[in-house]
Amino acid sequence: MAEKEKKERKGLLGKAIDAVTSRDEKAAAEAEAAAAQAQAAREEAKRQITEARAAATARKAEASAAAAEEAEKKLKEAEEKLAKLEAAAQAAAREAEMQAKQEEARAKLEAYQAEKAEEEKPPTYVVKSGDSLSKIAKEQLGSAARWPEIFELNKDQIANPNVIRAGQELKLPK
């Protein structure tokens, strides 16, 4: 009987062990399944992270390309603006040079005109006390008989050839 009991005992114990083992095996299987699911989820998360990184890198590359295009566009605009400014500066320099030449020519013309006016300006004589037209004509022109020439040139100042005043500036013939 001991064997039968042993069998029965073993049977109960075996059943219990079998139940525990079965339960443990189920739990182990469930744990393995859960571990497999967790591993799959982990792999999926890794894949998603990798894809997200790749997408982010692609977006960065696209953004960098877009930023590079924008920078190129701005650089081109700046170069065009610089070229326009340089052209304007050159035009302004040419204009300034032309104005300087015009000013120089104008100054030369004015100097020439002043010189000509000085040359064309008749000589003058400032009347002194005791002078007369004939005395001035004799001293300045070499002949007292030339007094009418002095009178004709100065009719705007002299109403009577016999009356001249000290300090008057009279034009003399050449």
N, C-alpha and C. Protein backbone atom coordinates (compact mmCIF):
# COMPACT_ATOMS: atom_id res chain seq x y z
N MET A 1 0.76 -1.15 0.00
CA MET A 1 0.00 0.00 0.00
C MET A 1 0.83 1.26 0.00
N ALA A 2 1.79 1.09 0.44
CA ALA A 2 2.67 2.23 0.50
C ALA A 2 2.95 2.71 -0.90
N GLU A 3 3.04 1.76 -1.79
CA GLU A 3 3.28 2.18 -3.17
C GLU A 3 2.07 2.84 -3.76
N LYS A 4 0.91 2.26 -3.46
CA LYS A 4 -0.32 2.82 -3.96
C LYS A 4 -0.49 4.20 -3.37
N GLU A 5 -0.21 4.30 -2.10
CA GLU A 5 -0.29 5.58 -1.45
C GLU A 5 0.72 6.54 -2.04
N LYS A 6 1.84 5.97 -2.26
CA LYS A 6 2.89 6.78 -2.87
C LYS A 6 2.41 7.29 -4.20
N LYS A 7 1.77 6.37 -4.93
CA LYS A 7 1.27 6.76 -6.24
C LYS A 7 0.20 7.81 -6.08
N GLU A 8 -0.70 7.52 -5.08
CA GLU A 8 -1.75 8.48 -4.87
C GLU A 8 -1.16 9.79 -4.36
N ARG A 9 -0.28 9.61 -3.42
CA ARG A 9 0.38 10.81 -2.91
C ARG A 9 1.12 11.49 -4.03
N LYS A 10 1.85 10.66 -4.73
CA LYS A 10 2.58 11.21 -5.85
C LYS A 10 1.59 11.78 -6.82
N GLY A 11 0.51 11.13 -6.96
CA GLY A 11 -0.50 11.60 -7.87
C GLY A 11 -1.02 12.95 -7.44
N LEU A 12 -1.27 13.09 -6.14
CA LEU A 12 -1.73 14.38 -5.66
C LEU A 12 -0.60 15.39 -5.71
N LEU A 13 0.53 14.88 -5.22
CA LEU A 13 1.69 15.74 -5.25
C LEU A 13 2.08 16.01 -6.69
N GLY A 14 2.06 14.97 -7.48
CA GLY A 14 2.37 15.10 -8.91
C GLY A 14 1.40 16.03 -9.58
N LYS A 15 0.11 15.85 -9.19
CA LYS A 15 -0.90 16.72 -9.75
C LYS A 15 -0.62 18.16 -9.35
N ALA A 16 -0.29 18.28 -8.06
CA ALA A 16 0.00 19.62 -7.58
C ALA A 16 1.23 20.17 -8.28
N ILE A 17 2.25 19.29 -8.40
CA ILE A 17 3.47 19.71 -9.08
C ILE A 17 3.15 19.97 -10.53
N ASP A 18 2.36 19.07 -11.10
CA ASP A 18 1.96 19.27 -12.50
C ASP A 18 1.18 20.57 -12.65
N ALA A 19 0.28 20.82 -11.68
CA ALA A 19 -0.52 22.04 -11.75
C ALA A 19 0.38 23.27 -11.61
N VAL A 20 1.30 23.17 -10.61
CA VAL A 20 2.21 24.29 -10.41
C VAL A 20 3.11 24.44 -11.62
N THR A 21 3.60 23.30 -12.11
CA THR A 21 4.46 23.33 -13.27
C THR A 21 3.69 23.86 -14.46
N SER A 22 2.47 23.35 -14.58
CA SER A 22 1.64 23.80 -15.69
C SER A 22 1.37 25.29 -15.57
N ARG A 23 1.07 25.69 -14.30
CA ARG A 23 0.83 27.11 -14.07
C ARG A 23 2.10 27.90 -14.33
N ASP A 24 3.23 27.39 -13.87
CA ASP A 24 4.50 28.07 -14.11
C ASP A 24 4.83 28.10 -15.58
N GLU A 25 4.52 26.97 -16.24
CA GLU A 25 4.79 26.92 -17.68
C GLU A 25 3.91 27.92 -18.41
N LYS A 26 2.63 28.02 -17.96
CA LYS A 26 1.72 28.99 -18.57
C LYS A 26 2.25 30.41 -18.32
N ALA A 27 2.63 30.62 -17.05
CA ALA A 27 3.15 31.94 -16.69
C ALA A 27 4.42 32.22 -17.47
N ALA A 28 5.27 31.17 -17.58
CA ALA A 28 6.50 31.33 -18.34
C ALA A 28 6.18 31.59 -19.80
N ALA A 29 5.21 30.86 -20.33
CA ALA A 29 4.81 31.06 -21.73
C ALA A 29 4.23 32.45 -21.91
N GLU A 30 3.39 32.83 -20.93
CA GLU A 30 2.81 34.18 -21.00
C GLU A 30 3.91 35.24 -20.87
N ALA A 31 4.86 34.96 -19.96
CA ALA A 31 5.97 35.89 -19.77
C ALA A 31 6.81 35.95 -21.03
N GLU A 32 7.04 34.77 -21.65
CA GLU A 32 7.79 34.75 -22.90
C GLU A 32 7.04 35.50 -23.98
N ALA A 33 5.71 35.27 -24.02
CA ALA A 33 4.88 35.97 -25.02
C ALA A 33 4.93 37.47 -24.75
N ALA A 34 4.82 37.83 -23.45
CA ALA A 34 4.87 39.24 -23.09
C ALA A 34 6.24 39.80 -23.42
N ALA A 35 7.30 38.99 -23.13
CA ALA A 35 8.66 39.43 -23.45
C ALA A 35 8.82 39.58 -24.95
N ALA A 36 8.25 38.64 -25.71
CA ALA A 36 8.33 38.70 -27.17
C ALA A 36 7.59 39.94 -27.68
N GLN A 37 6.40 40.19 -27.07
CA GLN A 37 5.64 41.38 -27.46
C GLN A 37 6.43 42.64 -27.10
N ALA A 38 7.01 42.62 -25.91
CA ALA A 38 7.79 43.78 -25.47
C ALA A 38 8.98 43.97 -26.39
N GLN A 39 9.63 42.86 -26.77
CA GLN A 39 10.77 42.94 -27.70
C GLN A 39 10.31 43.48 -29.04
N ALA A 40 9.15 42.97 -29.51
CA ALA A 40 8.61 43.45 -30.79
C ALA A 40 8.27 44.94 -30.69
N ALA A 41 7.65 45.32 -29.57
CA ALA A 41 7.31 46.74 -29.36
C ALA A 41 8.58 47.57 -29.30
N ARG A 42 9.59 47.03 -28.62
CA ARG A 42 10.87 47.72 -28.52
C ARG A 42 11.50 47.89 -29.90
N GLU A 43 11.48 46.80 -30.69
CA GLU A 43 12.02 46.86 -32.05
C GLU A 43 11.23 47.86 -32.90
N GLU A 44 9.91 47.85 -32.73
CA GLU A 44 9.05 48.79 -33.47
C GLU A 44 9.38 50.22 -33.05
N ALA A 45 9.56 50.44 -31.75
CA ALA A 45 9.91 51.77 -31.25
C ALA A 45 11.26 52.21 -31.81
N LYS A 46 12.23 51.25 -31.83
CA LYS A 46 13.54 51.57 -32.39
C LYS A 46 13.41 51.95 -33.86
N ARG A 47 12.59 51.15 -34.59
CA ARG A 47 12.38 51.43 -36.01
C ARG A 47 11.75 52.81 -36.19
N GLN A 48 10.75 53.11 -35.36
CA GLN A 48 10.08 54.41 -35.45
C GLN A 48 11.05 55.55 -35.12
N ILE A 49 11.89 55.34 -34.11
CA ILE A 49 12.89 56.35 -33.73
C ILE A 49 13.85 56.56 -34.89
N THR A 50 14.29 55.44 -35.49
CA THR A 50 15.22 55.54 -36.63
C THR A 50 14.56 56.29 -37.78
N GLU A 51 13.29 55.93 -38.06
CA GLU A 51 12.56 56.63 -39.13
C GLU A 51 12.39 58.11 -38.80
N ALA A 52 12.08 58.39 -37.53
CA ALA A 52 11.90 59.79 -37.13
C ALA A 52 13.20 60.55 -37.26
N ARG A 53 14.32 59.91 -36.87
CA ARG A 53 15.62 60.56 -37.02
C ARG A 53 15.93 60.80 -38.49
N ALA A 54 15.64 59.78 -39.30
CA ALA A 54 15.88 59.93 -40.74
C ALA A 54 15.02 61.04 -41.31
N ALA A 55 13.75 61.09 -40.87
CA ALA A 55 12.85 62.15 -41.35
C ALA A 55 13.34 63.52 -40.87
N ALA A 56 13.78 63.56 -39.61
CA ALA A 56 14.29 64.82 -39.08
C ALA A 56 15.55 65.25 -39.84
N THR A 57 16.43 64.29 -40.11
CA THR A 57 17.63 64.61 -40.88
C THR A 57 17.26 65.09 -42.27
N ALA A 58 16.28 64.41 -42.88
CA ALA A 58 15.84 64.83 -44.22
C ALA A 58 15.24 66.23 -44.17
N ARG A 59 14.43 66.48 -43.11
CA ARG A 59 13.85 67.83 -42.99
C ARG A 59 14.94 68.87 -42.77
N LYS A 60 15.93 68.49 -41.94
CA LYS A 60 17.05 69.41 -41.72
C LYS A 60 17.78 69.65 -43.03
N ALA A 61 17.98 68.58 -43.78
CA ALA A 61 18.66 68.73 -45.08
C ALA A 61 17.83 69.60 -46.00
N GLU A 62 16.51 69.36 -46.01
CA GLU A 62 15.63 70.18 -46.84
C GLU A 62 15.66 71.63 -46.35
N ALA A 63 15.59 71.77 -45.02
CA ALA A 63 15.62 73.12 -44.44
C ALA A 63 16.96 73.77 -44.75
N SER A 64 18.04 72.99 -44.64
CA SER A 64 19.35 73.53 -44.95
C SER A 64 19.42 73.91 -46.42
N ALA A 65 18.85 73.05 -47.27
CA ALA A 65 18.84 73.37 -48.70
C ALA A 65 18.02 74.62 -48.95
N ALA A 66 16.86 74.70 -48.28
CA ALA A 66 16.02 75.88 -48.44
C ALA A 66 16.74 77.11 -47.90
N ALA A 67 17.38 76.94 -46.75
CA ALA A 67 18.13 78.06 -46.16
C ALA A 67 19.29 78.45 -47.07
N ALA A 68 19.94 77.43 -47.65
CA ALA A 68 21.04 77.72 -48.57
C ALA A 68 20.53 78.45 -49.80
N GLU A 69 19.38 78.01 -50.31
CA GLU A 69 18.79 78.70 -51.47
C GLU A 69 18.44 80.13 -51.12
N GLU A 70 17.85 80.31 -49.94
CA GLU A 70 17.49 81.65 -49.49
C GLU A 70 18.75 82.52 -49.33
N ALA A 71 19.79 81.92 -48.75
CA ALA A 71 21.05 82.65 -48.59
C ALA A 71 21.65 82.99 -49.95
N GLU A 72 21.58 82.06 -50.89
CA GLU A 72 22.08 82.32 -52.25
C GLU A 72 21.28 83.45 -52.90
N LYS A 73 19.98 83.41 -52.69
CA LYS A 73 19.11 84.46 -53.26
C LYS A 73 19.47 85.82 -52.67
N LYS A 74 19.65 85.86 -51.34
CA LYS A 74 20.01 87.12 -50.69
C LYS A 74 21.39 87.58 -51.12
N LEU A 75 22.32 86.63 -51.28
CA LEU A 75 23.65 86.97 -51.74
C LEU A 75 23.59 87.57 -53.14
N LYS A 76 22.80 86.95 -54.01
CA LYS A 76 22.66 87.45 -55.38
C LYS A 76 22.06 88.86 -55.37
N GLU A 77 21.03 89.06 -54.52
CA GLU A 77 20.42 90.38 -54.42
C GLU A 77 21.43 91.41 -53.92
N ALA A 78 22.21 91.00 -52.92
CA ALA A 78 23.23 91.91 -52.38
C ALA A 78 24.28 92.23 -53.43
N GLU A 79 24.68 91.23 -54.22
CA GLU A 79 25.68 91.47 -55.27
C GLU A 79 25.11 92.40 -56.33
N GLU A 80 23.82 92.20 -56.69
CA GLU A 80 23.19 93.09 -57.67
C GLU A 80 23.11 94.52 -57.12
N LYS A 81 22.74 94.62 -55.84
CA LYS A 81 22.65 95.95 -55.23
C LYS A 81 24.02 96.61 -55.20
N LEU A 82 25.06 95.83 -54.87
CA LEU A 82 26.43 96.34 -54.85
C LEU A 82 26.84 96.80 -56.24
N ALA A 83 26.50 96.01 -57.26
CA ALA A 83 26.85 96.39 -58.62
C ALA A 83 26.15 97.70 -59.00
N LYS A 84 24.88 97.84 -58.61
CA LYS A 84 24.16 99.09 -58.90
C LYS A 84 24.80 100.27 -58.18
N LEU A 85 25.17 100.04 -56.90
CA LEU A 85 25.80 101.11 -56.13
C LEU A 85 27.15 101.49 -56.71
N GLU A 86 27.91 100.49 -57.15
CA GLU A 86 29.21 100.78 -57.76
C GLU A 86 29.02 101.56 -59.06
N ALA A 87 28.01 101.17 -59.86
CA ALA A 87 27.74 101.89 -61.10
C ALA A 87 27.32 103.33 -60.79
N ALA A 88 26.49 103.48 -59.76
CA ALA A 88 26.06 104.83 -59.37
C ALA A 88 27.24 105.64 -58.86
N ALA A 89 28.13 105.00 -58.11
CA ALA A 89 29.32 105.70 -57.61
C ALA A 89 30.22 106.13 -58.76
N GLN A 90 30.37 105.25 -59.75
CA GLN A 90 31.19 105.60 -60.91
C GLN A 90 30.55 106.75 -61.68
N ALA A 91 29.23 106.68 -61.84
CA ALA A 91 28.52 107.76 -62.54
C ALA A 91 28.68 109.07 -61.76
N ALA A 92 28.57 108.99 -60.44
CA ALA A 92 28.72 110.19 -59.62
C ALA A 92 30.14 110.73 -59.72
N ALA A 93 31.12 109.83 -59.76
CA ALA A 93 32.51 110.27 -59.90
C ALA A 93 32.72 110.95 -61.25
N ARG A 94 32.16 110.36 -62.32
CA ARG A 94 32.26 110.99 -63.64
C ARG A 94 31.57 112.34 -63.65
N GLU A 95 30.40 112.41 -63.01
CA GLU A 95 29.66 113.67 -62.94
C GLU A 95 30.47 114.72 -62.18
N ALA A 96 31.06 114.31 -61.06
CA ALA A 96 31.89 115.24 -60.27
C ALA A 96 33.09 115.71 -61.08
N GLU A 97 33.69 114.78 -61.82
CA GLU A 97 34.84 115.14 -62.65
C GLU A 97 34.42 116.13 -63.74
N MET A 98 33.25 115.87 -64.36
CA MET A 98 32.76 116.79 -65.39
C MET A 98 32.46 118.16 -64.79
N GLN A 99 31.86 118.18 -63.59
CA GLN A 99 31.56 119.46 -62.95
C GLN A 99 32.84 120.20 -62.61
N ALA A 100 33.86 119.46 -62.16
CA ALA A 100 35.14 120.10 -61.84
C ALA A 100 35.75 120.70 -63.11
N LYS A 101 35.67 119.97 -64.21
CA LYS A 101 36.20 120.49 -65.48
C LYS A 101 35.40 121.71 -65.93
N GLN A 102 34.07 121.66 -65.75
CA GLN A 102 33.24 122.80 -66.12
C GLN A 102 33.58 124.01 -65.26
N GLU A 103 33.77 123.78 -63.96
CA GLU A 103 34.14 124.88 -63.06
C GLU A 103 35.49 125.47 -63.46
N GLU A 104 36.42 124.59 -63.80
CA GLU A 104 37.74 125.05 -64.22
C GLU A 104 37.63 125.88 -65.51
N ALA A 105 36.82 125.37 -66.46
CA ALA A 105 36.63 126.11 -67.71
C ALA A 105 35.94 127.44 -67.44
N ARG A 106 34.94 127.42 -66.55
CA ARG A 106 34.22 128.66 -66.21
C ARG A 106 35.18 129.66 -65.57
N ALA A 107 36.04 129.18 -64.67
CA ALA A 107 37.01 130.07 -64.00
C ALA A 107 37.99 130.65 -65.02
N LYS A 108 38.45 129.81 -65.96
CA LYS A 108 39.36 130.30 -67.00
C LYS A 108 38.67 131.34 -67.87
N LEU A 109 37.39 131.07 -68.22
CA LEU A 109 36.64 132.02 -69.04
C LEU A 109 36.47 133.34 -68.30
N GLU A 110 36.11 133.27 -67.01
CA GLU A 110 35.93 134.50 -66.24
C GLU A 110 37.24 135.26 -66.13
N ALA A 111 38.35 134.54 -65.92
CA ALA A 111 39.65 135.19 -65.84
C ALA A 111 39.99 135.85 -67.18
N TYR A 112 39.71 135.13 -68.27
CA TYR A 112 39.97 135.68 -69.60
C TYR A 112 39.10 136.91 -69.83
N GLN A 113 37.82 136.81 -69.47
CA GLN A 113 36.92 137.95 -69.68
C GLN A 113 37.35 139.15 -68.83
N ALA A 114 37.79 138.88 -67.60
CA ALA A 114 38.25 139.96 -66.73
C ALA A 114 39.50 140.61 -67.31
N GLU A 115 40.39 139.76 -67.84
CA GLU A 115 41.62 140.27 -68.47
C GLU A 115 41.27 141.11 -69.70
N LYS A 116 40.35 140.59 -70.50
CA LYS A 116 39.94 141.33 -71.70
C LYS A 116 39.28 142.65 -71.32
N ALA A 117 38.42 142.58 -70.30
CA ALA A 117 37.74 143.80 -69.86
C ALA A 117 38.75 144.82 -69.37
N GLU A 118 39.78 144.33 -68.67
CA GLU A 118 40.83 145.21 -68.18
C GLU A 118 41.59 145.82 -69.35
N GLU A 119 41.86 144.97 -70.36
CA GLU A 119 42.58 145.48 -71.54
C GLU A 119 41.72 146.46 -72.32
N GLU A 120 40.42 146.18 -72.39
CA GLU A 120 39.51 147.04 -73.15
C GLU A 120 39.13 148.28 -72.38
N LYS A 121 39.29 148.25 -71.10
CA LYS A 121 38.94 149.39 -70.27
C LYS A 121 39.90 150.53 -70.60
N PRO A 122 39.33 151.65 -70.90
CA PRO A 122 40.20 152.78 -71.25
C PRO A 122 41.01 153.23 -70.04
N PRO A 123 42.18 153.74 -70.29
CA PRO A 123 42.96 154.26 -69.17
C PRO A 123 42.20 155.42 -68.51
N THR A 124 42.47 155.65 -67.25
CA THR A 124 41.76 156.72 -66.53
C THR A 124 42.76 157.67 -65.89
N TYR A 125 42.19 158.79 -65.49
CA TYR A 125 43.00 159.82 -64.84
C TYR A 125 42.13 160.45 -63.76
N VAL A 126 42.71 160.63 -62.55
CA VAL A 126 41.97 161.26 -61.45
C VAL A 126 42.36 162.74 -61.44
N VAL A 127 41.34 163.57 -61.58
CA VAL A 127 41.54 165.03 -61.66
C VAL A 127 42.08 165.56 -60.33
N LYS A 128 43.10 166.46 -60.49
CA LYS A 128 43.69 167.12 -59.33
C LYS A 128 43.30 168.59 -59.36
N SER A 129 43.45 169.21 -58.23
CA SER A 129 43.12 170.63 -58.15
C SER A 129 44.01 171.41 -59.13
N GLY A 130 43.39 172.26 -59.92
CA GLY A 130 44.12 173.10 -60.87
C GLY A 130 44.21 172.48 -62.26
N ASP A 131 43.67 171.25 -62.43
CA ASP A 131 43.71 170.61 -63.75
C ASP A 131 42.63 171.19 -64.65
N SER A 132 42.89 171.05 -65.97
CA SER A 132 41.90 171.39 -67.00
C SER A 132 41.99 170.28 -68.03
N LEU A 133 41.00 170.20 -68.90
CA LEU A 133 41.02 169.14 -69.92
C LEU A 133 42.23 169.28 -70.83
N SER A 134 42.59 170.51 -71.21
CA SER A 134 43.74 170.69 -72.10
C SER A 134 45.04 170.34 -71.39
N LYS A 135 45.16 170.68 -70.09
CA LYS A 135 46.36 170.33 -69.34
C LYS A 135 46.49 168.81 -69.23
N ILE A 136 45.36 168.13 -68.96
CA ILE A 136 45.38 166.66 -68.85
C ILE A 136 45.74 166.06 -70.20
N ALA A 137 45.17 166.61 -71.30
CA ALA A 137 45.44 166.10 -72.65
C ALA A 137 46.92 166.24 -72.97
N LYS A 138 47.52 167.39 -72.61
CA LYS A 138 48.93 167.60 -72.91
C LYS A 138 49.80 166.63 -72.12
N GLU A 139 49.51 166.44 -70.80
CA GLU A 139 50.33 165.57 -69.96
C GLU A 139 50.13 164.08 -70.30
N GLN A 140 48.88 163.68 -70.54
CA GLN A 140 48.59 162.26 -70.71
C GLN A 140 48.63 161.80 -72.17
N LEU A 141 48.25 162.70 -73.10
CA LEU A 141 48.15 162.29 -74.51
C LEU A 141 49.23 162.94 -75.40
N GLY A 142 49.96 163.89 -74.82
CA GLY A 142 51.05 164.50 -75.58
C GLY A 142 50.67 165.75 -76.36
N SER A 143 49.37 166.11 -76.38
CA SER A 143 48.94 167.31 -77.11
C SER A 143 47.71 167.88 -76.43
N ALA A 144 47.77 169.17 -76.11
CA ALA A 144 46.64 169.84 -75.47
C ALA A 144 45.45 169.89 -76.41
N ALA A 145 45.70 169.79 -77.71
CA ALA A 145 44.63 169.87 -78.71
C ALA A 145 43.72 168.64 -78.66
N ARG A 146 44.09 167.64 -77.93
CA ARG A 146 43.26 166.41 -77.88
C ARG A 146 42.23 166.45 -76.74
N TRP A 147 42.07 167.62 -76.09
CA TRP A 147 41.12 167.73 -74.99
C TRP A 147 39.69 167.36 -75.40
N PRO A 148 39.22 167.62 -76.66
CA PRO A 148 37.84 167.25 -77.01
C PRO A 148 37.61 165.72 -76.95
N GLU A 149 38.68 164.96 -77.19
CA GLU A 149 38.54 163.48 -77.11
C GLU A 149 38.20 163.08 -75.67
N ILE A 150 38.86 163.72 -74.71
CA ILE A 150 38.60 163.43 -73.29
C ILE A 150 37.18 163.85 -72.95
N PHE A 151 36.77 165.00 -73.44
CA PHE A 151 35.42 165.50 -73.17
C PHE A 151 34.37 164.53 -73.73
N GLU A 152 34.53 164.06 -74.97
CA GLU A 152 33.59 163.15 -75.62
C GLU A 152 33.46 161.84 -74.82
N LEU A 153 34.59 161.31 -74.32
CA LEU A 153 34.55 160.05 -73.56
C LEU A 153 33.88 160.22 -72.20
N ASN A 154 33.82 161.44 -71.67
CA ASN A 154 33.34 161.67 -70.31
C ASN A 154 32.11 162.57 -70.24
N LYS A 155 31.32 162.63 -71.31
CA LYS A 155 30.14 163.49 -71.34
C LYS A 155 29.14 163.11 -70.25
N ASP A 156 29.18 161.84 -69.81
CA ASP A 156 28.26 161.41 -68.75
C ASP A 156 28.61 162.06 -67.41
N GLN A 157 29.86 162.56 -67.26
CA GLN A 157 30.30 163.19 -66.01
C GLN A 157 30.49 164.70 -66.14
N ILE A 158 30.76 165.13 -67.37
CA ILE A 158 31.11 166.55 -67.57
C ILE A 158 30.04 167.21 -68.43
N ALA A 159 29.37 168.20 -67.86
CA ALA A 159 28.37 168.94 -68.64
C ALA A 159 29.04 170.11 -69.36
N ASN A 160 30.03 170.70 -68.72
CA ASN A 160 30.71 171.86 -69.29
C ASN A 160 32.20 171.51 -69.31
N PRO A 161 32.90 171.56 -70.50
CA PRO A 161 34.31 171.19 -70.57
C PRO A 161 35.21 172.13 -69.77
N ASN A 162 34.71 173.27 -69.40
CA ASN A 162 35.53 174.21 -68.63
C ASN A 162 35.39 173.98 -67.12
N VAL A 163 34.49 173.04 -66.72
CA VAL A 163 34.27 172.81 -65.28
C VAL A 163 34.48 171.31 -64.98
N ILE A 164 35.61 171.04 -64.36
CA ILE A 164 35.86 169.67 -63.87
C ILE A 164 36.25 169.78 -62.41
N ARG A 165 35.97 168.73 -61.65
CA ARG A 165 36.21 168.78 -60.20
C ARG A 165 37.36 167.86 -59.82
N ALA A 166 38.09 168.25 -58.81
CA ALA A 166 39.19 167.40 -58.27
C ALA A 166 38.57 166.12 -57.74
N GLY A 167 39.19 164.95 -58.03
CA GLY A 167 38.71 163.65 -57.56
C GLY A 167 37.92 162.90 -58.61
N GLN A 168 37.48 163.61 -59.66
CA GLN A 168 36.76 162.92 -60.73
C GLN A 168 37.71 161.96 -61.43
N GLU A 169 37.19 160.79 -61.81
CA GLU A 169 37.99 159.85 -62.58
C GLU A 169 37.51 159.93 -64.01
N LEU A 170 38.42 160.38 -64.88
CA LEU A 170 38.08 160.58 -66.29
C LEU A 170 38.70 159.49 -67.13
N LYS A 171 37.94 159.04 -68.14
CA LYS A 171 38.46 158.06 -69.09
C LYS A 171 39.33 158.80 -70.11
N LEU A 172 40.39 158.14 -70.49
CA LEU A 172 41.30 158.75 -71.48
C LEU A 172 41.26 157.89 -72.74
N PRO A 173 41.42 158.52 -73.90
CA PRO A 173 41.47 157.74 -75.13
C PRO A 173 42.76 156.90 -75.20
N LYS A 174 42.71 155.86 -75.96
CA LYS A 174 43.90 154.98 -76.09
C LYS A 174 44.87 155.56 -77.05
